[in-house]
Amino acid sequence: MALTKSEKKEKVTTHLKQLRKELRIMHAAVTEEQTLPDTIELRKLMAQMEELLEVLEPKSARRSKKSK
């Protein structure tokens, strides 16, 4: 199912807002409490970034980048 341009924009915007929120929380913990983030939380954020990348780039474009 292909997303329309406006649906894609909305999905990307939502993803970015959520990522920024979680990264701000993580940054506050690192700077104020001087603790490293939990690895599970980092993996969760990485997965969300991968999802965002899938929305932004079609699979064919990602494959051509990997082959370079």
PDB file of N, CA and C in Angstrom:
ATOM      1  N   MET A   1       0.845  -1.177   0.000  1.00  0.00           N
ATOM      2  CA  MET A   1       0.000   0.000   0.000  1.00  0.00           C
ATOM      3  C   MET A   1       0.888   1.237   0.000  1.00  0.00           C
ATOM      4  N   ALA A   2       0.743   2.044  -1.017  1.00  0.00           N
ATOM      5  CA  ALA A   2       1.529   3.258  -1.134  1.00  0.00           C
ATOM      6  C   ALA A   2       0.854   4.397  -0.378  1.00  0.00           C
ATOM      7  N   LEU A   3       1.671   5.163   0.301  1.00  0.00           N
ATOM      8  CA  LEU A   3       1.161   6.303   1.042  1.00  0.00           C
ATOM      9  C   LEU A   3       1.103   7.528   0.141  1.00  0.00           C
ATOM     10  N   THR A   4       0.091   8.349   0.365  1.00  0.00           N
ATOM     11  CA  THR A   4       0.049   9.609  -0.365  1.00  0.00           C
ATOM     12  C   THR A   4       1.097  10.539   0.231  1.00  0.00           C
ATOM     13  N   LYS A   5       1.361  11.607  -0.471  1.00  0.00           N
ATOM     14  CA  LYS A   5       2.376  12.546  -0.019  1.00  0.00           C
ATOM     15  C   LYS A   5       2.021  13.136   1.350  1.00  0.00           C
ATOM     16  N   SER A   6       0.769  13.499   1.536  1.00  0.00           N
ATOM     17  CA  SER A   6       0.358  14.092   2.818  1.00  0.00           C
ATOM     18  C   SER A   6       0.393  13.059   3.950  1.00  0.00           C
ATOM     19  N   GLU A   7       0.022  11.803   3.648  1.00  0.00           N
ATOM     20  CA  GLU A   7       0.093  10.742   4.669  1.00  0.00           C
ATOM     21  C   GLU A   7       1.538  10.480   5.075  1.00  0.00           C
ATOM     22  N   LYS A   8       2.412  10.468   4.079  1.00  0.00           N
ATOM     23  CA  LYS A   8       3.827  10.249   4.334  1.00  0.00           C
ATOM     24  C   LYS A   8       4.395  11.379   5.201  1.00  0.00           C
ATOM     25  N   LYS A   9       4.025  12.612   4.864  1.00  0.00           N
ATOM     26  CA  LYS A   9       4.494  13.772   5.625  1.00  0.00           C
ATOM     27  C   LYS A   9       4.011  13.697   7.071  1.00  0.00           C
ATOM     28  N   GLU A  10       2.751  13.344   7.269  1.00  0.00           N
ATOM     29  CA  GLU A  10       2.188  13.233   8.612  1.00  0.00           C
ATOM     30  C   GLU A  10       2.882  12.134   9.420  1.00  0.00           C
ATOM     31  N   LYS A  11       3.144  11.005   8.773  1.00  0.00           N
ATOM     32  CA  LYS A  11       3.810   9.893   9.453  1.00  0.00           C
ATOM     33  C   LYS A  11       5.231  10.280   9.857  1.00  0.00           C
ATOM     34  N   VAL A  12       5.945  10.946   8.970  1.00  0.00           N
ATOM     35  CA  VAL A  12       7.309  11.384   9.257  1.00  0.00           C
ATOM     36  C   VAL A  12       7.310  12.405  10.388  1.00  0.00           C
ATOM     37  N   THR A  13       6.388  13.348  10.340  1.00  0.00           N
ATOM     38  CA  THR A  13       6.293  14.369  11.379  1.00  0.00           C
ATOM     39  C   THR A  13       6.031  13.740  12.737  1.00  0.00           C
ATOM     40  N   THR A  14       5.114  12.783  12.785  1.00  0.00           N
ATOM     41  CA  THR A  14       4.799  12.100  14.038  1.00  0.00           C
ATOM     42  C   THR A  14       6.010  11.344  14.570  1.00  0.00           C
ATOM     43  N   HIS A  15       6.691  10.626  13.688  1.00  0.00           N
ATOM     44  CA  HIS A  15       7.897   9.884  14.091  1.00  0.00           C
ATOM     45  C   HIS A  15       8.956  10.831  14.658  1.00  0.00           C
ATOM     46  N   LEU A  16       9.189  11.925  13.953  1.00  0.00           N
ATOM     47  CA  LEU A  16      10.221  12.863  14.396  1.00  0.00           C
ATOM     48  C   LEU A  16       9.887  13.485  15.746  1.00  0.00           C
ATOM     49  N   LYS A  17       8.626  13.835  15.954  1.00  0.00           N
ATOM     50  CA  LYS A  17       8.228  14.403  17.243  1.00  0.00           C
ATOM     51  C   LYS A  17       8.472  13.412  18.372  1.00  0.00           C
ATOM     52  N   GLN A  18       8.118  12.165  18.153  1.00  0.00           N
ATOM     53  CA  GLN A  18       8.311  11.140  19.180  1.00  0.00           C
ATOM     54  C   GLN A  18       9.792  10.900  19.451  1.00  0.00           C
ATOM     55  N   LEU A  19      10.581  10.827  18.389  1.00  0.00           N
ATOM     56  CA  LEU A  19      12.027  10.629  18.552  1.00  0.00           C
ATOM     57  C   LEU A  19      12.662  11.787  19.317  1.00  0.00           C
ATOM     58  N   ARG A  20      12.300  13.008  18.961  1.00  0.00           N
ATOM     59  CA  ARG A  20      12.844  14.186  19.651  1.00  0.00           C
ATOM     60  C   ARG A  20      12.494  14.166  21.136  1.00  0.00           C
ATOM     61  N   LYS A  21      11.254  13.790  21.434  1.00  0.00           N
ATOM     62  CA  LYS A  21      10.813  13.733  22.828  1.00  0.00           C
ATOM     63  C   LYS A  21      11.649  12.725  23.617  1.00  0.00           C
ATOM     64  N   GLU A  22      11.802  11.534  23.053  1.00  0.00           N
ATOM     65  CA  GLU A  22      12.563  10.487  23.743  1.00  0.00           C
ATOM     66  C   GLU A  22      14.044  10.842  23.858  1.00  0.00           C
ATOM     67  N   LEU A  23      14.592  11.472  22.825  1.00  0.00           N
ATOM     68  CA  LEU A  23      15.996  11.874  22.882  1.00  0.00           C
ATOM     69  C   LEU A  23      16.230  12.985  23.896  1.00  0.00           C
ATOM     70  N   ARG A  24      15.278  13.886  24.030  1.00  0.00           N
ATOM     71  CA  ARG A  24      15.400  14.944  25.046  1.00  0.00           C
ATOM     72  C   ARG A  24      15.427  14.343  26.450  1.00  0.00           C
ATOM     73  N   ILE A  25      14.552  13.377  26.683  1.00  0.00           N
ATOM     74  CA  ILE A  25      14.514  12.707  27.984  1.00  0.00           C
ATOM     75  C   ILE A  25      15.850  12.008  28.253  1.00  0.00           C
ATOM     76  N   MET A  26      16.344  11.318  27.233  1.00  0.00           N
ATOM     77  CA  MET A  26      17.607  10.608  27.365  1.00  0.00           C
ATOM     78  C   MET A  26      18.756  11.591  27.610  1.00  0.00           C
ATOM     79  N   HIS A  27      18.753  12.693  26.889  1.00  0.00           N
ATOM     80  CA  HIS A  27      19.801  13.709  27.039  1.00  0.00           C
ATOM     81  C   HIS A  27      19.785  14.297  28.444  1.00  0.00           C
ATOM     82  N   ALA A  28      18.598  14.564  28.965  1.00  0.00           N
ATOM     83  CA  ALA A  28      18.481  15.109  30.322  1.00  0.00           C
ATOM     84  C   ALA A  28      19.059  14.136  31.339  1.00  0.00           C
ATOM     85  N   ALA A  29      18.779  12.867  31.167  1.00  0.00           N
ATOM     86  CA  ALA A  29      19.309  11.856  32.091  1.00  0.00           C
ATOM     87  C   ALA A  29      20.832  11.801  32.018  1.00  0.00           C
ATOM     88  N   VAL A  30      21.368  11.905  30.825  1.00  0.00           N
ATOM     89  CA  VAL A  30      22.827  11.844  30.661  1.00  0.00           C
ATOM     90  C   VAL A  30      23.487  13.075  31.266  1.00  0.00           C
ATOM     91  N   THR A  31      22.941  14.261  31.001  1.00  0.00           N
ATOM     92  CA  THR A  31      23.592  15.485  31.478  1.00  0.00           C
ATOM     93  C   THR A  31      23.339  15.762  32.949  1.00  0.00           C
ATOM     94  N   GLU A  32      22.115  15.539  33.417  1.00  0.00           N
ATOM     95  CA  GLU A  32      21.796  15.875  34.804  1.00  0.00           C
ATOM     96  C   GLU A  32      22.199  14.779  35.782  1.00  0.00           C
ATOM     97  N   GLU A  33      21.879  13.552  35.449  1.00  0.00           N
ATOM     98  CA  GLU A  33      22.140  12.436  36.356  1.00  0.00           C
ATOM     99  C   GLU A  33      23.466  11.747  36.062  1.00  0.00           C
ATOM    100  N   GLN A  34      24.056  12.100  34.948  1.00  0.00           N
ATOM    101  CA  GLN A  34      25.309  11.515  34.486  1.00  0.00           C
ATOM    102  C   GLN A  34      25.234   9.989  34.443  1.00  0.00           C
ATOM    103  N   THR A  35      24.139   9.511  33.857  1.00  0.00           N
ATOM    104  CA  THR A  35      23.963   8.071  33.662  1.00  0.00           C
ATOM    105  C   THR A  35      23.807   7.786  32.176  1.00  0.00           C
ATOM    106  N   LEU A  36      24.287   6.648  31.770  1.00  0.00           N
ATOM    107  CA  LEU A  36      24.133   6.253  30.374  1.00  0.00           C
ATOM    108  C   LEU A  36      22.738   5.682  30.152  1.00  0.00           C
ATOM    109  N   PRO A  37      22.197   5.887  28.949  1.00  0.00           N
ATOM    110  CA  PRO A  37      20.861   5.363  28.666  1.00  0.00           C
ATOM    111  C   PRO A  37      20.857   3.837  28.643  1.00  0.00           C
ATOM    112  N   ASP A  38      19.707   3.283  28.935  1.00  0.00           N
ATOM    113  CA  ASP A  38      19.510   1.841  28.920  1.00  0.00           C
ATOM    114  C   ASP A  38      19.644   1.331  27.483  1.00  0.00           C
ATOM    115  N   THR A  39      20.303   0.201  27.305  1.00  0.00           N
ATOM    116  CA  THR A  39      20.496  -0.338  25.954  1.00  0.00           C
ATOM    117  C   THR A  39      19.177  -0.693  25.279  1.00  0.00           C
ATOM    118  N   ILE A  40      18.200  -1.098  26.054  1.00  0.00           N
ATOM    119  CA  ILE A  40      16.888  -1.419  25.477  1.00  0.00           C
ATOM    120  C   ILE A  40      16.254  -0.157  24.891  1.00  0.00           C
ATOM    121  N   GLU A  41      16.390   0.954  25.609  1.00  0.00           N
ATOM    122  CA  GLU A  41      15.844   2.224  25.114  1.00  0.00           C
ATOM    123  C   GLU A  41      16.563   2.658  23.844  1.00  0.00           C
ATOM    124  N   LEU A  42      17.878   2.473  23.807  1.00  0.00           N
ATOM    125  CA  LEU A  42      18.644   2.826  22.609  1.00  0.00           C
ATOM    126  C   LEU A  42      18.213   1.979  21.414  1.00  0.00           C
ATOM    127  N   ARG A  43      18.030   0.694  21.646  1.00  0.00           N
ATOM    128  CA  ARG A  43      17.591  -0.185  20.556  1.00  0.00           C
ATOM    129  C   ARG A  43      16.206   0.208  20.063  1.00  0.00           C
ATOM    130  N   LYS A  44      15.344   0.595  20.986  1.00  0.00           N
ATOM    131  CA  LYS A  44      13.997   1.022  20.632  1.00  0.00           C
ATOM    132  C   LYS A  44      14.050   2.274  19.734  1.00  0.00           C
ATOM    133  N   LEU A  45      14.906   3.231  20.117  1.00  0.00           N
ATOM    134  CA  LEU A  45      15.051   4.439  19.308  1.00  0.00           C
ATOM    135  C   LEU A  45      15.644   4.127  17.937  1.00  0.00           C
ATOM    136  N   MET A  46      16.597   3.222  17.902  1.00  0.00           N
ATOM    137  CA  MET A  46      17.192   2.837  16.617  1.00  0.00           C
ATOM    138  C   MET A  46      16.146   2.186  15.706  1.00  0.00           C
ATOM    139  N   ALA A  47      15.283   1.367  16.283  1.00  0.00           N
ATOM    140  CA  ALA A  47      14.223   0.739  15.505  1.00  0.00           C
ATOM    141  C   ALA A  47      13.261   1.789  14.959  1.00  0.00           C
ATOM    142  N   GLN A  48      12.963   2.798  15.769  1.00  0.00           N
ATOM    143  CA  GLN A  48      12.078   3.866  15.307  1.00  0.00           C
ATOM    144  C   GLN A  48      12.729   4.657  14.178  1.00  0.00           C
ATOM    145  N   MET A  49      14.039   4.858  14.262  1.00  0.00           N
ATOM    146  CA  MET A  49      14.744   5.556  13.192  1.00  0.00           C
ATOM    147  C   MET A  49      14.741   4.728  11.907  1.00  0.00           C
ATOM    148  N   GLU A  50      14.863   3.419  12.041  1.00  0.00           N
ATOM    149  CA  GLU A  50      14.793   2.539  10.877  1.00  0.00           C
ATOM    150  C   GLU A  50      13.415   2.606  10.228  1.00  0.00           C
ATOM    151  N   GLU A  51      12.361   2.633  11.051  1.00  0.00           N
ATOM    152  CA  GLU A  51      11.001   2.765  10.525  1.00  0.00           C
ATOM    153  C   GLU A  51      10.849   4.068   9.754  1.00  0.00           C
ATOM    154  N   LEU A  52      11.405   5.134  10.307  1.00  0.00           N
ATOM    155  CA  LEU A  52      11.346   6.431   9.644  1.00  0.00           C
ATOM    156  C   LEU A  52      12.085   6.386   8.316  1.00  0.00           C
ATOM    157  N   LEU A  53      13.214   5.744   8.301  1.00  0.00           N
ATOM    158  CA  LEU A  53      13.985   5.614   7.069  1.00  0.00           C
ATOM    159  C   LEU A  53      13.203   4.845   6.009  1.00  0.00           C
ATOM    160  N   GLU A  54      12.472   3.817   6.430  1.00  0.00           N
ATOM    161  CA  GLU A  54      11.655   3.054   5.493  1.00  0.00           C
ATOM    162  C   GLU A  54      10.562   3.911   4.872  1.00  0.00           C
ATOM    163  N   VAL A  55      10.024   4.837   5.636  1.00  0.00           N
ATOM    164  CA  VAL A  55       9.000   5.733   5.108  1.00  0.00           C
ATOM    165  C   VAL A  55       9.616   6.725   4.129  1.00  0.00           C
ATOM    166  N   LEU A  56      10.797   7.231   4.481  1.00  0.00           N
ATOM    167  CA  LEU A  56      11.435   8.254   3.667  1.00  0.00           C
ATOM    168  C   LEU A  56      12.028   7.711   2.370  1.00  0.00           C
ATOM    169  N   GLU A  57      12.600   6.532   2.433  1.00  0.00           N
ATOM    170  CA  GLU A  57      13.267   5.967   1.258  1.00  0.00           C
ATOM    171  C   GLU A  57      12.602   4.657   0.856  1.00  0.00           C
ATOM    172  N   PRO A  58      12.239   4.541  -0.410  1.00  0.00           N
ATOM    173  CA  PRO A  58      11.714   3.254  -0.856  1.00  0.00           C
ATOM    174  C   PRO A  58      12.813   2.188  -0.811  1.00  0.00           C
ATOM    175  N   LYS A  59      12.409   0.926  -0.745  1.00  0.00           N
ATOM    176  CA  LYS A  59      13.377  -0.170  -0.626  1.00  0.00           C
ATOM    177  C   LYS A  59      14.371  -0.179  -1.777  1.00  0.00           C
ATOM    178  N   SER A  60      13.927   0.143  -2.972  1.00  0.00           N
ATOM    179  CA  SER A  60      14.831   0.141  -4.127  1.00  0.00           C
ATOM    180  C   SER A  60      15.950   1.141  -3.957  1.00  0.00           C
ATOM    181  N   ALA A  61      15.665   2.307  -3.377  1.00  0.00           N
ATOM    182  CA  ALA A  61      16.698   3.317  -3.167  1.00  0.00           C
ATOM    183  C   ALA A  61      17.697   2.850  -2.115  1.00  0.00           C
ATOM    184  N   ARG A  62      17.225   2.177  -1.070  1.00  0.00           N
ATOM    185  CA  ARG A  62      18.138   1.686  -0.032  1.00  0.00           C
ATOM    186  C   ARG A  62      19.039   0.597  -0.591  1.00  0.00           C
ATOM    187  N   ARG A  63      18.486  -0.268  -1.430  1.00  0.00           N
ATOM    188  CA  ARG A  63      19.301  -1.351  -2.006  1.00  0.00           C
ATOM    189  C   ARG A  63      20.415  -0.775  -2.881  1.00  0.00           C
ATOM    190  N   SER A  64      20.117   0.248  -3.667  1.00  0.00           N
ATOM    191  CA  SER A  64      21.136   0.818  -4.551  1.00  0.00           C
ATOM    192  C   SER A  64      22.231   1.500  -3.743  1.00  0.00           C
ATOM    193  N   LYS A  65      21.905   2.082  -2.581  1.00  0.00           N
ATOM    194  CA  LYS A  65      22.916   2.692  -1.735  1.00  0.00           C
ATOM    195  C   LYS A  65      23.827   1.641  -1.130  1.00  0.00           C
ATOM    196  N   LYS A  66      23.262   0.498  -0.742  1.00  0.00           N
ATOM    197  CA  LYS A  66      24.058  -0.570  -0.116  1.00  0.00           C
ATOM    198  C   LYS A  66      25.033  -1.168  -1.111  1.00  0.00           C
ATOM    199  N   SER A  67      24.651  -1.229  -2.365  1.00  0.00           N
ATOM    200  CA  SER A  67      25.512  -1.868  -3.362  1.00  0.00           C
ATOM    201  C   SER A  67      26.688  -0.988  -3.775  1.00  0.00           C
ATOM    202  N   LYS A  68      26.669   0.291  -3.413  1.00  0.00           N
ATOM    203  CA  LYS A  68      27.765   1.195  -3.779  1.00  0.00           C
ATOM    204  C   LYS A  68      28.972   0.994  -2.934  1.00  0.00           C
TER     205      LYS A  68
END
